[in-house]
Amino acid sequence: MKKLEAHEVALAKVFSSDYEFVVPDYQRPYTWEPAQATQLLADLVEAVDRDPEDPYFLGSVVLVKRPDEPLAEVIDGQQRLTTLTILLAVLRELTEDPRDADNLDILIWEPGNTILDLDSRPRLRLRPRDEEFFRKHVQARGGVDLLHPEAKYPNDAQARIAANARALRDALASSTPAQRLALAKAVVQRTFLVMVSTSDLTSAYRIFSVMNSRGVELSPADIFKSQVIGALPDHDKARYAEKWEDLEADLGREAFADLFSHIRMVVLKYRARQQLLTEFGDHVLKGFLDEGEAAVFVDDVLEPYGSAYRDILTRDHQSLSQATEVNDWLRRLHLLDNFDWQAPALWALKTHRNDGSWLVGFLRRLDRLGAWMLVTRCNAQARGQRIAKLLQELQDGLGLGSPALDLDADERAELRAKLDGDVYRSAAVRKYVLLRLNELVSDPFVAQDVKIVTVEHVLPQSPSAGSEWREVFTESDRERWTHRLANLVLLSRTKNSAAGNLDFAAKRDKYFAGGKSPSYGLTTEVLREETWTPDVLDARQERLVGALAEHWELRVS
């Protein structure tokens, strides 16, 4: 590692001719929200009331900077530097003393000096896509006044800059001139940053990774980005940073972070044993970086897997054939109560992206495997082992013939027996099975918002004394049928325990027929029944379990 320097520097020196801060285009955009900006302000206001000798530390900034030159590439710290510049601009706009305004302006903008050969320039330059906006609306005098709450901005970073400037202005508008002057002095004289600098970009990224891997708000994906972009030649950095950011914006920050976990599973083929930052960094990414193939990682791993993950999340795969069927199977897989299936689905969509027929065959089998694991309540360890075995067999070329993708005779019999049992007793199982069954009996099927779906008994769990239910069903009958498939329906509203105990005819007409319930095929079937007896349930159970058994190919021979 090249020579490293670290100094505690007051903001009076941070925003001086000693530094010319530049945020490279490959960095992530400005992300602070008003809550973070106003919290920074609150902390600084609190510092005003403390001992004048008591410094306030704002953390560290990591730079690529030569000791004898002011130019400083910001590797970490742009959020604080940007927000501090906004705060200084707001204080400048609010001050009534022209001298104070001039002094604050010098902290924002280098006025230039012909004797010292200093050009007039901003102290901080943001990424090229945001640089002009920042100059016009923050760094230039009067710019903050041009920001309007209803204005539309071309990207999120500029919208956040505008929102934070307005929030800080609103927070300081009611302060007295004396209070704002005291705050300005505290910011400039008593606020410090630790400036960590090295002349070597790779070293700077290593420092950045170490400093930000210990619980700070950066995600592992941010650190992986720093390692990958830092390893690229300078002429490739901006282009690959844009690829990375476009994919993150496409998936959303949370899903983008999840993508790395799924890729880790595909590559390593075992459940996580360490933190993602360690496992992915050491066992997936390191090989590319050691071989000088950071670009290959983005082009051949991150982008194609990211595209496949987008298909999975949106259920909107596009292919030359059978795209609708592929998306239908993805929709069904999303009904599972775990995400174990996503790693093999990710592999399949990346590897066989344009083979719709293969994907339909694979996802159909994966759906059955997922159903077996859910309904039989396989634990996380067992699911992980099965998925790991499947991924290994897929890598070995077994494809649709992978034994781990199939269910053997015992597993098929086990799944069928569970479907024929008291499915209601498990909340995850009953909702999943009823939703899958509803699709099979509905004509036509219309996908519903599963978040508002509830499962209801026809024969109630605790029928009232003297009710019709106790005449039609013996205690033995109730024990046998109450929690089985034949006695369950779907509703799209909150349950009503009182209505749930009505006799069958009243319950059918007043409860099941109300609201949106008839849109469920299972519920519509109940509306057609004149009575609800053990014989009706017996025939219905055989038909419903049979439909699922046929759908999941549970024949035992």
Protein backbone atom coordinates (compact mmCIF):
# COMPACT_ATOMS: atom_id res chain seq x y z
CA MET A 1 0.00 0.00 0.00
CA LYS A 2 1.25 3.48 -0.86
CA LYS A 3 1.96 6.06 1.83
CA LEU A 4 -1.08 6.81 3.95
CA GLU A 5 -1.74 10.12 5.69
CA ALA A 6 -4.47 10.86 8.24
CA HIS A 7 -5.00 14.26 9.85
CA GLU A 8 -7.67 15.92 11.96
CA VAL A 9 -8.63 19.00 9.95
CA ALA A 10 -10.99 21.82 10.93
CA LEU A 11 -13.60 22.69 8.33
CA ALA A 12 -11.94 26.09 7.91
CA LYS A 13 -9.02 24.20 6.35
CA VAL A 14 -11.15 21.49 4.72
CA PHE A 15 -12.96 24.14 2.68
CA SER A 16 -9.84 26.05 1.68
CA SER A 17 -7.36 26.14 -1.18
CA ASP A 18 -5.62 23.14 0.45
CA TYR A 19 -8.28 20.87 -1.06
CA GLU A 20 -10.06 20.71 -4.40
CA PHE A 21 -12.67 17.99 -3.87
CA VAL A 22 -13.96 16.03 -6.83
CA VAL A 23 -16.56 13.25 -6.62
CA PRO A 24 -15.75 10.81 -9.45
CA ASP A 25 -18.52 9.82 -11.83
CA TYR A 26 -18.30 6.19 -10.74
CA GLN A 27 -19.30 6.99 -7.16
CA ARG A 28 -22.85 6.36 -5.99
CA PRO A 29 -25.08 9.45 -6.05
CA TYR A 30 -25.91 11.75 -3.17
CA THR A 31 -28.32 9.82 -0.94
CA TRP A 32 -28.89 11.78 2.27
CA GLU A 33 -32.51 12.62 3.04
CA PRO A 34 -33.80 15.66 5.01
CA ALA A 35 -33.91 13.57 8.20
CA GLN A 36 -30.15 13.00 8.00
CA ALA A 37 -29.38 16.59 7.00
CA THR A 38 -31.45 18.08 9.83
CA GLN A 39 -29.93 15.60 12.31
CA LEU A 40 -26.49 16.86 11.33
CA LEU A 41 -27.72 20.40 11.90
CA ALA A 42 -29.16 19.44 15.31
CA ASP A 43 -25.83 17.91 16.32
CA LEU A 44 -23.99 21.06 15.28
CA VAL A 45 -26.45 23.31 17.12
CA GLU A 46 -25.90 21.23 20.24
CA ALA A 47 -22.16 21.69 19.79
CA VAL A 48 -22.63 25.47 19.92
CA ASP A 49 -23.81 25.18 23.52
CA ARG A 50 -20.86 23.13 24.66
CA ASP A 51 -17.47 24.32 25.85
CA PRO A 52 -15.89 26.52 23.16
CA GLU A 53 -12.77 24.38 23.39
CA ASP A 54 -14.69 21.16 22.80
CA PRO A 55 -14.26 20.00 19.18
CA TYR A 56 -16.95 18.18 17.23
CA PHE A 57 -15.79 15.30 15.04
CA LEU A 58 -17.75 14.36 11.91
CA GLY A 59 -15.89 11.17 11.08
CA SER A 60 -13.48 10.46 8.25
CA VAL A 61 -13.13 11.23 4.57
CA VAL A 62 -11.08 8.96 2.29
CA LEU A 63 -9.28 10.67 -0.57
CA VAL A 64 -6.95 9.94 -3.43
CA LYS A 65 -4.61 12.92 -3.11
CA ARG A 66 -0.96 13.67 -3.60
CA PRO A 67 0.62 15.46 -0.63
CA ASP A 68 1.74 18.46 -2.72
CA GLU A 69 -1.46 18.94 -4.75
CA PRO A 70 -4.93 20.15 -3.72
CA LEU A 71 -6.84 17.91 -6.14
CA ALA A 72 -8.61 15.27 -4.03
CA GLU A 73 -10.78 12.47 -5.40
CA VAL A 74 -13.47 11.68 -2.83
CA ILE A 75 -13.68 7.93 -2.31
CA ASP A 76 -15.73 8.14 0.89
CA GLY A 77 -17.29 11.19 2.48
CA GLN A 78 -19.24 12.87 -0.30
CA GLN A 79 -22.49 12.74 1.72
CA ARG A 80 -21.01 14.82 4.55
CA LEU A 81 -19.04 17.18 2.29
CA THR A 82 -22.11 17.82 0.15
CA THR A 83 -24.43 18.37 3.12
CA LEU A 84 -21.94 20.67 4.83
CA THR A 85 -21.68 22.72 1.64
CA ILE A 86 -25.47 22.97 1.51
CA LEU A 87 -25.51 24.11 5.14
CA LEU A 88 -22.85 26.77 4.48
CA ALA A 89 -24.83 27.98 1.46
CA VAL A 90 -28.02 28.26 3.52
CA LEU A 91 -26.19 30.21 6.24
CA ARG A 92 -24.76 32.49 3.57
CA GLU A 93 -28.20 33.16 2.09
CA LEU A 94 -29.75 33.89 5.49
CA THR A 95 -27.07 36.20 6.87
CA GLU A 96 -27.81 39.92 6.95
CA ASP A 97 -24.17 40.96 7.22
CA PRO A 98 -22.44 41.25 3.79
CA ARG A 99 -19.05 40.53 5.37
CA ASP A 100 -20.29 37.27 6.90
CA ALA A 101 -21.85 36.33 3.58
CA ASP A 102 -18.53 36.94 1.81
CA ASN A 103 -16.64 34.87 4.37
CA LEU A 104 -19.07 31.98 4.02
CA ASP A 105 -18.91 32.24 0.26
CA ILE A 106 -15.15 31.76 0.33
CA LEU A 107 -15.72 28.41 2.07
CA ILE A 108 -17.99 27.34 -0.78
CA TRP A 109 -16.13 28.82 -3.72
CA GLU A 110 -12.42 29.47 -4.23
CA PRO A 111 -12.31 33.12 -5.40
CA GLY A 112 -8.99 32.68 -7.16
CA ASN A 113 -5.66 34.43 -6.74
CA THR A 114 -3.51 35.53 -9.66
CA ILE A 115 -0.44 35.87 -7.46
CA LEU A 116 -0.77 32.28 -6.17
CA ASP A 117 -1.97 30.97 -9.54
CA LEU A 118 -5.29 29.85 -8.06
CA ASP A 119 -8.24 29.64 -10.41
CA SER A 120 -11.76 30.55 -9.36
CA ARG A 121 -13.60 27.28 -8.78
CA PRO A 122 -16.02 25.52 -6.43
CA ARG A 123 -14.51 23.82 -3.38
CA LEU A 124 -16.51 20.68 -4.15
CA ARG A 125 -17.41 19.26 -7.54
CA LEU A 126 -20.08 16.56 -7.60
CA ARG A 127 -20.44 13.86 -10.22
CA PRO A 128 -20.74 15.35 -13.74
CA ARG A 129 -24.45 14.57 -13.96
CA ASP A 130 -25.15 16.66 -10.81
CA GLU A 131 -22.31 19.18 -10.92
CA GLU A 132 -24.08 21.97 -12.85
CA PHE A 133 -27.23 21.69 -10.73
CA PHE A 134 -25.21 21.89 -7.51
CA ARG A 135 -23.35 24.97 -8.71
CA LYS A 136 -26.51 26.79 -9.79
CA HIS A 137 -28.72 25.98 -6.81
CA VAL A 138 -26.26 25.66 -3.92
CA GLN A 139 -22.83 27.08 -4.61
CA ALA A 140 -23.91 30.18 -6.54
CA ARG A 141 -25.24 33.06 -4.47
CA GLY A 142 -29.01 33.17 -4.47
CA GLY A 143 -29.25 29.63 -5.81
CA VAL A 144 -31.09 28.22 -2.81
CA ASP A 145 -33.88 30.74 -3.41
CA LEU A 146 -34.44 29.22 -6.87
CA LEU A 147 -35.45 25.86 -5.40
CA HIS A 148 -39.22 25.30 -5.36
CA PRO A 149 -41.04 22.49 -3.52
CA GLU A 150 -43.12 21.54 -6.57
CA ALA A 151 -40.23 21.46 -9.04
CA LYS A 152 -39.40 18.24 -10.86
CA TYR A 153 -35.78 17.12 -10.94
CA PRO A 154 -34.08 14.79 -13.44
CA ASN A 155 -32.76 12.37 -10.80
CA ASP A 156 -33.05 11.43 -7.13
CA ALA A 157 -29.71 12.99 -6.16
CA GLN A 158 -30.77 16.45 -7.33
CA ALA A 159 -34.18 16.04 -5.67
CA ARG A 160 -32.44 15.21 -2.37
CA ILE A 161 -30.08 18.18 -2.69
CA ALA A 162 -33.08 20.46 -3.19
CA ALA A 163 -35.07 18.87 -0.36
CA ASN A 164 -32.16 19.13 2.07
CA ALA A 165 -31.48 22.75 1.17
CA ARG A 166 -35.13 23.63 1.80
CA ALA A 167 -35.20 21.61 5.04
CA LEU A 168 -32.06 23.31 6.41
CA ARG A 169 -33.33 26.74 5.38
CA ASP A 170 -36.69 26.10 7.08
CA ALA A 171 -34.93 24.88 10.23
CA LEU A 172 -32.70 27.98 10.43
CA ALA A 173 -35.16 30.63 9.26
CA SER A 174 -36.52 31.25 12.76
CA SER A 175 -33.06 31.55 14.35
CA THR A 176 -31.73 34.97 15.26
CA PRO A 177 -28.76 36.42 13.34
CA ALA A 178 -26.65 35.94 16.48
CA GLN A 179 -27.60 32.26 16.67
CA ARG A 180 -26.77 31.69 13.00
CA LEU A 181 -23.42 33.46 13.40
CA ALA A 182 -22.58 31.29 16.41
CA LEU A 183 -23.50 28.20 14.41
CA ALA A 184 -21.33 29.29 11.48
CA LYS A 185 -18.38 29.80 13.81
CA ALA A 186 -18.92 26.39 15.41
CA VAL A 187 -19.08 24.72 12.01
CA VAL A 188 -15.97 26.42 10.68
CA GLN A 189 -13.77 26.55 13.77
CA ARG A 190 -14.76 23.62 15.99
CA THR A 191 -15.91 20.94 13.56
CA PHE A 192 -13.27 18.49 12.40
CA LEU A 193 -12.96 15.74 9.82
CA VAL A 194 -10.25 13.08 9.75
CA MET A 195 -8.80 13.41 6.25
CA VAL A 196 -7.37 10.05 5.19
CA SER A 197 -5.45 10.30 1.95
CA THR A 198 -3.21 8.21 -0.25
CA SER A 199 -1.92 8.84 -3.74
CA ASP A 200 -2.89 5.35 -4.90
CA LEU A 201 -6.52 4.67 -5.92
CA THR A 202 -6.39 0.96 -5.12
CA SER A 203 -5.06 1.72 -1.64
CA ALA A 204 -7.81 4.26 -1.11
CA TYR A 205 -10.47 1.70 -1.94
CA ARG A 206 -8.92 -0.80 0.45
CA ILE A 207 -9.02 1.80 3.20
CA PHE A 208 -12.59 2.62 2.29
CA SER A 209 -13.59 -1.06 2.44
CA VAL A 210 -11.99 -1.61 5.84
CA MET A 211 -13.37 1.57 7.37
CA ASN A 212 -16.89 0.91 6.14
CA SER A 213 -17.22 -2.80 6.83
CA ARG A 214 -17.78 -2.38 10.55
CA GLY A 215 -21.42 -1.47 10.90
CA VAL A 216 -21.63 1.82 9.01
CA GLU A 217 -24.63 2.39 6.73
CA LEU A 218 -22.90 1.17 3.59
CA SER A 219 -24.16 -2.18 2.35
CA PRO A 220 -21.88 -5.02 1.23
CA ALA A 221 -22.88 -4.13 -2.33
CA ASP A 222 -21.39 -0.66 -1.87
CA ILE A 223 -18.11 -2.13 -0.70
CA PHE A 224 -18.05 -4.65 -3.55
CA LYS A 225 -18.58 -1.73 -5.91
CA SER A 226 -15.63 0.12 -4.43
CA GLN A 227 -13.44 -2.95 -4.89
CA VAL A 228 -14.56 -3.65 -8.46
CA ILE A 229 -14.50 -0.06 -9.75
CA GLY A 230 -11.26 0.62 -7.90
CA ALA A 231 -9.61 -2.32 -9.69
CA LEU A 232 -10.55 -1.09 -13.17
CA PRO A 233 -8.35 1.06 -15.41
CA ASP A 234 -9.18 4.75 -15.13
CA HIS A 235 -10.69 4.90 -18.62
CA ASP A 236 -13.24 2.17 -17.68
CA LYS A 237 -14.28 3.42 -14.26
CA ALA A 238 -17.08 5.77 -15.27
CA ARG A 239 -18.61 3.36 -17.79
CA TYR A 240 -18.70 0.42 -15.38
CA ALA A 241 -19.86 2.57 -12.49
CA GLU A 242 -22.81 3.61 -14.64
CA LYS A 243 -23.58 -0.04 -15.45
CA TRP A 244 -23.48 -0.87 -11.74
CA GLU A 245 -25.69 2.06 -10.74
CA ASP A 246 -28.20 1.43 -13.52
CA LEU A 247 -28.64 -2.14 -12.33
CA GLU A 248 -28.97 -1.04 -8.69
CA ALA A 249 -31.58 1.55 -9.68
CA ASP A 250 -33.43 -1.03 -11.77
CA LEU A 251 -33.67 -3.58 -8.97
CA GLY A 252 -33.90 -1.20 -6.05
CA ARG A 253 -31.26 -0.95 -3.34
CA GLU A 254 -32.63 -3.73 -1.11
CA ALA A 255 -33.15 -6.25 -3.91
CA PHE A 256 -29.76 -5.38 -5.38
CA ALA A 257 -28.16 -6.27 -2.05
CA ASP A 258 -30.11 -9.57 -2.02
CA LEU A 259 -28.78 -10.37 -5.50
CA PHE A 260 -25.28 -10.85 -4.10
CA SER A 261 -26.58 -13.37 -1.56
CA HIS A 262 -28.22 -15.41 -4.32
CA ILE A 263 -25.12 -15.27 -6.52
CA ARG A 264 -23.09 -16.44 -3.51
CA MET A 265 -25.37 -19.45 -3.18
CA VAL A 266 -25.17 -20.26 -6.88
CA VAL A 267 -21.38 -20.13 -6.85
CA LEU A 268 -20.58 -21.67 -3.45
CA LYS A 269 -23.54 -24.10 -3.25
CA TYR A 270 -23.99 -24.00 0.50
CA ARG A 271 -25.95 -21.84 2.90
CA ALA A 272 -24.20 -18.82 4.35
CA ARG A 273 -21.65 -19.66 7.02
CA GLN A 274 -20.16 -16.18 7.41
CA GLN A 275 -21.22 -12.63 6.69
CA LEU A 276 -21.89 -11.89 3.03
CA LEU A 277 -19.11 -9.30 3.00
CA THR A 278 -16.57 -11.97 3.89
CA GLU A 279 -17.91 -14.95 1.95
CA PHE A 280 -18.72 -13.16 -1.29
CA GLY A 281 -15.60 -11.04 -1.13
CA ASP A 282 -13.22 -13.91 -0.39
CA HIS A 283 -14.79 -16.75 -2.37
CA VAL A 284 -16.53 -15.09 -5.31
CA LEU A 285 -15.16 -11.65 -6.04
CA LYS A 286 -11.53 -12.14 -5.04
CA GLY A 287 -10.81 -14.51 -7.91
CA PHE A 288 -11.90 -11.94 -10.49
CA LEU A 289 -9.91 -9.16 -8.84
CA ASP A 290 -6.78 -11.28 -8.44
CA GLU A 291 -6.90 -12.13 -12.15
CA GLY A 292 -7.45 -8.53 -13.16
CA GLU A 293 -10.95 -9.37 -14.40
CA ALA A 294 -13.11 -6.82 -12.59
CA ALA A 295 -14.81 -5.94 -15.90
CA VAL A 296 -15.53 -9.62 -16.51
CA PHE A 297 -17.29 -9.83 -13.16
CA VAL A 298 -19.62 -6.97 -14.13
CA ASP A 299 -20.19 -8.15 -17.72
CA ASP A 300 -20.46 -11.90 -17.21
CA VAL A 301 -21.75 -12.23 -13.65
CA LEU A 302 -23.42 -9.15 -12.23
CA GLU A 303 -25.30 -7.93 -15.30
CA PRO A 304 -26.71 -11.27 -16.51
CA TYR A 305 -27.64 -12.40 -13.01
CA GLY A 306 -29.11 -8.98 -12.34
CA SER A 307 -31.23 -9.23 -15.49
CA ALA A 308 -32.41 -12.69 -14.43
CA TYR A 309 -33.21 -11.44 -10.92
CA ARG A 310 -35.27 -8.60 -12.36
CA ASP A 311 -37.31 -11.21 -14.27
CA ILE A 312 -37.82 -13.15 -11.05
CA LEU A 313 -38.90 -10.15 -9.02
CA THR A 314 -41.20 -8.64 -11.65
CA ARG A 315 -42.51 -11.94 -13.07
CA ASP A 316 -41.90 -10.32 -16.44
CA HIS A 317 -39.51 -12.57 -18.32
CA GLN A 318 -39.21 -11.79 -22.01
CA SER A 319 -38.31 -14.58 -24.40
CA LEU A 320 -39.06 -15.72 -27.92
CA SER A 321 -41.34 -18.51 -26.72
CA GLN A 322 -43.48 -19.42 -23.71
CA ALA A 323 -42.76 -16.23 -21.79
CA THR A 324 -46.30 -16.23 -20.35
CA GLU A 325 -45.86 -19.75 -18.98
CA VAL A 326 -42.47 -18.86 -17.49
CA ASN A 327 -43.97 -15.85 -15.72
CA ASP A 328 -46.90 -17.93 -14.45
CA TRP A 329 -44.50 -20.35 -12.78
CA LEU A 330 -42.51 -17.48 -11.30
CA ARG A 331 -45.73 -16.07 -9.85
CA ARG A 332 -46.51 -19.43 -8.25
CA LEU A 333 -43.02 -19.74 -6.82
CA HIS A 334 -43.41 -16.36 -5.15
CA LEU A 335 -46.20 -17.86 -3.03
CA LEU A 336 -43.63 -19.94 -1.14
CA ASP A 337 -42.74 -18.73 2.35
CA ASN A 338 -38.98 -18.75 1.73
CA PHE A 339 -36.49 -17.60 -0.90
CA ASP A 340 -34.46 -20.79 -1.25
CA TRP A 341 -35.89 -21.39 -4.73
CA GLN A 342 -34.52 -18.11 -6.06
CA ALA A 343 -30.89 -19.24 -6.41
CA PRO A 344 -31.66 -22.16 -8.78
CA ALA A 345 -34.25 -20.02 -10.59
CA LEU A 346 -31.59 -17.36 -11.01
CA TRP A 347 -29.18 -19.90 -12.46
CA ALA A 348 -31.84 -21.19 -14.83
CA LEU A 349 -32.89 -17.77 -16.13
CA LYS A 350 -29.28 -16.75 -16.69
CA THR A 351 -28.18 -19.99 -18.30
CA HIS A 352 -31.30 -20.77 -20.40
CA ARG A 353 -32.65 -17.25 -20.85
CA ASN A 354 -33.85 -17.78 -24.43
CA ASP A 355 -35.06 -21.37 -24.08
CA GLY A 356 -38.65 -20.95 -22.95
CA SER A 357 -39.47 -24.63 -23.17
CA TRP A 358 -36.55 -25.60 -20.92
CA LEU A 359 -37.42 -22.89 -18.42
CA VAL A 360 -41.06 -24.00 -18.20
CA GLY A 361 -39.98 -27.58 -17.55
CA PHE A 362 -37.45 -26.54 -14.93
CA LEU A 363 -39.67 -24.06 -13.08
CA ARG A 364 -42.55 -26.58 -13.00
CA ARG A 365 -40.29 -29.10 -11.27
CA LEU A 366 -38.80 -26.43 -8.99
CA ASP A 367 -42.33 -25.42 -8.01
CA ARG A 368 -43.13 -28.98 -6.98
CA LEU A 369 -39.90 -29.23 -5.00
CA GLY A 370 -40.72 -25.96 -3.26
CA ALA A 371 -44.25 -27.16 -2.48
CA TRP A 372 -42.91 -30.37 -0.94
CA MET A 373 -40.44 -28.47 1.24
CA LEU A 374 -43.11 -26.02 2.41
CA VAL A 375 -46.00 -28.42 3.01
CA THR A 376 -43.85 -31.01 4.78
CA ARG A 377 -42.19 -28.16 6.74
CA CYS A 378 -38.59 -28.93 5.86
CA ASN A 379 -36.31 -26.91 8.11
CA ALA A 380 -33.89 -24.32 6.77
CA GLN A 381 -30.91 -26.67 6.97
CA ALA A 382 -32.65 -29.41 4.99
CA ARG A 383 -33.86 -26.93 2.38
CA GLY A 384 -30.38 -25.49 2.04
CA GLN A 385 -28.82 -28.91 1.57
CA ARG A 386 -31.36 -29.87 -1.10
CA ILE A 387 -30.92 -26.61 -3.01
CA ALA A 388 -27.12 -26.91 -2.75
CA LYS A 389 -27.28 -30.42 -4.20
CA LEU A 390 -29.52 -29.18 -7.00
CA LEU A 391 -27.13 -26.36 -7.88
CA GLN A 392 -24.22 -28.77 -7.98
CA GLU A 393 -26.11 -31.14 -10.27
CA LEU A 394 -27.07 -28.26 -12.53
CA GLN A 395 -23.43 -27.22 -12.77
CA ASP A 396 -22.54 -30.83 -13.56
CA GLY A 397 -24.89 -30.71 -16.54
CA LEU A 398 -27.73 -32.92 -15.29
CA GLY A 399 -30.31 -30.23 -16.08
CA LEU A 400 -33.94 -31.36 -16.03
CA GLY A 401 -32.75 -34.83 -15.07
CA SER A 402 -31.27 -33.67 -11.79
CA PRO A 403 -32.31 -36.10 -9.02
CA ALA A 404 -32.41 -33.23 -6.50
CA LEU A 405 -35.02 -31.49 -8.67
CA ASP A 406 -37.28 -34.54 -8.62
CA LEU A 407 -39.34 -36.07 -5.80
CA ASP A 408 -38.84 -39.76 -5.12
CA ALA A 409 -41.76 -42.09 -4.36
CA ASP A 410 -41.55 -41.55 -0.60
CA GLU A 411 -41.47 -37.78 -0.99
CA ARG A 412 -44.45 -37.81 -3.35
CA ALA A 413 -46.40 -40.00 -0.92
CA GLU A 414 -45.42 -37.72 1.96
CA LEU A 415 -46.64 -34.61 0.14
CA ARG A 416 -49.94 -36.22 -0.81
CA ALA A 417 -50.52 -37.42 2.76
CA LYS A 418 -49.87 -33.92 4.12
CA LEU A 419 -52.32 -32.43 1.60
CA ASP A 420 -54.94 -34.91 2.76
CA GLY A 421 -54.38 -34.02 6.41
CA ASP A 422 -55.13 -31.07 8.68
CA VAL A 423 -53.57 -28.39 6.47
CA TYR A 424 -55.18 -25.56 8.46
CA ARG A 425 -52.98 -26.15 11.50
CA SER A 426 -50.02 -24.44 9.79
CA ALA A 427 -50.72 -20.84 8.77
CA ALA A 428 -48.06 -20.91 6.05
CA VAL A 429 -49.26 -24.22 4.64
CA ARG A 430 -52.99 -23.49 4.59
CA LYS A 431 -52.71 -20.18 2.79
CA TYR A 432 -50.23 -21.51 0.25
CA VAL A 433 -52.17 -24.69 -0.52
CA LEU A 434 -55.51 -22.89 -0.77
CA LEU A 435 -54.07 -20.29 -3.14
CA ARG A 436 -52.56 -22.98 -5.37
CA LEU A 437 -55.74 -25.02 -5.28
CA ASN A 438 -57.88 -21.98 -6.03
CA GLU A 439 -56.00 -21.47 -9.29
CA LEU A 440 -56.76 -25.04 -10.33
CA VAL A 441 -60.53 -24.79 -9.74
CA SER A 442 -61.09 -21.20 -10.94
CA ASP A 443 -62.38 -20.57 -14.46
CA PRO A 444 -61.04 -18.18 -15.45
CA PHE A 445 -58.32 -17.69 -12.87
CA VAL A 446 -57.65 -14.12 -11.78
CA ALA A 447 -54.58 -13.45 -9.64
CA GLN A 448 -55.46 -11.84 -6.31
CA ASP A 449 -53.57 -9.69 -3.84
CA VAL A 450 -52.38 -12.43 -1.49
CA LYS A 451 -51.73 -9.92 1.30
CA ILE A 452 -55.47 -9.57 1.98
CA VAL A 453 -56.38 -13.24 1.57
CA THR A 454 -57.65 -15.12 4.61
CA VAL A 455 -58.58 -18.77 5.05
CA GLU A 456 -61.96 -19.55 6.61
CA HIS A 457 -63.70 -22.70 7.79
CA VAL A 458 -67.12 -23.61 6.45
CA LEU A 459 -67.84 -25.99 9.31
CA PRO A 460 -66.76 -23.70 12.19
CA GLN A 461 -64.09 -24.71 14.65
CA SER A 462 -66.39 -24.26 17.65
CA PRO A 463 -70.04 -24.43 16.56
CA SER A 464 -72.53 -23.00 19.02
CA ALA A 465 -74.47 -25.35 21.27
CA GLY A 466 -77.80 -26.28 19.66
CA SER A 467 -76.68 -25.15 16.20
CA GLU A 468 -77.39 -27.07 13.01
CA TRP A 469 -73.70 -27.93 12.78
CA ARG A 470 -73.88 -30.15 15.89
CA GLU A 471 -76.86 -32.00 14.45
CA VAL A 472 -75.24 -32.67 11.06
CA PHE A 473 -71.71 -33.41 12.32
CA THR A 474 -70.89 -35.68 15.22
CA GLU A 475 -67.91 -34.83 17.41
CA SER A 476 -65.93 -37.46 15.51
CA ASP A 477 -66.94 -35.89 12.19
CA ARG A 478 -65.90 -32.44 13.35
CA GLU A 479 -62.54 -33.74 14.53
CA ARG A 480 -62.01 -35.40 11.16
CA TRP A 481 -63.10 -32.57 8.85
CA THR A 482 -62.71 -29.18 10.52
CA HIS A 483 -59.12 -28.46 9.43
CA ARG A 484 -58.93 -30.37 6.14
CA LEU A 485 -58.94 -28.92 2.63
CA ALA A 486 -62.55 -29.73 1.84
CA ASN A 487 -63.77 -27.53 4.67
CA LEU A 488 -61.65 -24.47 3.85
CA VAL A 489 -62.27 -21.51 1.57
CA LEU A 490 -60.58 -18.21 0.75
CA LEU A 491 -61.88 -14.78 1.65
CA SER A 492 -60.50 -11.38 0.75
CA ARG A 493 -61.55 -9.56 3.90
CA THR A 494 -61.04 -9.75 7.63
CA LYS A 495 -62.69 -12.70 9.33
CA ASN A 496 -65.83 -12.18 11.41
CA SER A 497 -65.93 -14.73 14.19
CA ALA A 498 -69.62 -14.15 14.90
CA ALA A 499 -70.67 -14.60 11.27
CA GLY A 500 -68.38 -17.60 11.04
CA ASN A 501 -70.66 -19.55 13.43
CA LEU A 502 -73.86 -19.06 11.43
CA ASP A 503 -75.63 -22.15 10.16
CA PHE A 504 -74.63 -23.20 6.67
CA ALA A 505 -77.35 -21.53 4.59
CA ALA A 506 -76.99 -18.20 6.40
CA LYS A 507 -73.22 -18.37 6.37
CA ARG A 508 -73.19 -19.17 2.66
CA ASP A 509 -75.56 -16.35 1.71
CA LYS A 510 -74.49 -13.63 4.16
CA TYR A 511 -70.81 -14.32 4.69
CA PHE A 512 -69.26 -16.17 1.77
CA ALA A 513 -71.33 -14.38 -0.88
CA GLY A 514 -70.43 -10.90 0.38
CA GLY A 515 -67.65 -8.60 -0.79
CA LYS A 516 -65.09 -10.03 -3.18
CA SER A 517 -65.24 -13.60 -1.92
CA PRO A 518 -67.04 -15.07 -4.96
CA SER A 519 -64.01 -14.17 -7.11
CA TYR A 520 -62.30 -17.21 -5.57
CA GLY A 521 -63.18 -20.43 -7.32
CA LEU A 522 -63.07 -22.38 -4.05
CA THR A 523 -65.62 -20.04 -2.50
CA THR A 524 -67.84 -20.08 -5.58
CA GLU A 525 -68.03 -23.86 -5.31
CA VAL A 526 -69.35 -23.59 -1.76
CA LEU A 527 -72.04 -21.15 -2.88
CA ARG A 528 -73.41 -23.84 -5.19
CA GLU A 529 -73.90 -26.34 -2.37
CA GLU A 530 -77.34 -26.67 -0.78
CA THR A 531 -76.04 -28.55 2.25
CA TRP A 532 -72.74 -29.13 4.01
CA THR A 533 -72.43 -32.68 5.28
CA PRO A 534 -69.74 -35.28 5.86
CA ASP A 535 -70.66 -36.89 2.51
CA VAL A 536 -70.24 -33.56 0.69
CA LEU A 537 -66.88 -33.08 2.37
CA ASP A 538 -65.74 -36.59 1.56
CA ALA A 539 -66.40 -36.16 -2.15
CA ARG A 540 -64.93 -32.66 -2.16
CA GLN A 541 -61.77 -33.76 -0.35
CA GLU A 542 -61.09 -36.52 -2.84
CA ARG A 543 -61.56 -34.15 -5.76
CA LEU A 544 -59.41 -31.34 -4.34
CA VAL A 545 -56.52 -33.50 -3.19
CA GLY A 546 -56.72 -35.29 -6.53
CA ALA A 547 -56.43 -31.99 -8.38
CA LEU A 548 -53.27 -31.07 -6.48
CA ALA A 549 -51.85 -34.57 -6.87
CA GLU A 550 -52.35 -34.39 -10.62
CA HIS A 551 -50.92 -30.89 -10.82
CA TRP A 552 -47.78 -31.86 -8.90
CA GLU A 553 -47.56 -35.34 -10.44
CA LEU A 554 -47.73 -37.20 -7.15
CA ARG A 555 -48.43 -40.62 -8.60
CA VAL A 556 -46.76 -43.37 -6.59
CA SER A 557 -45.97 -46.47 -8.63
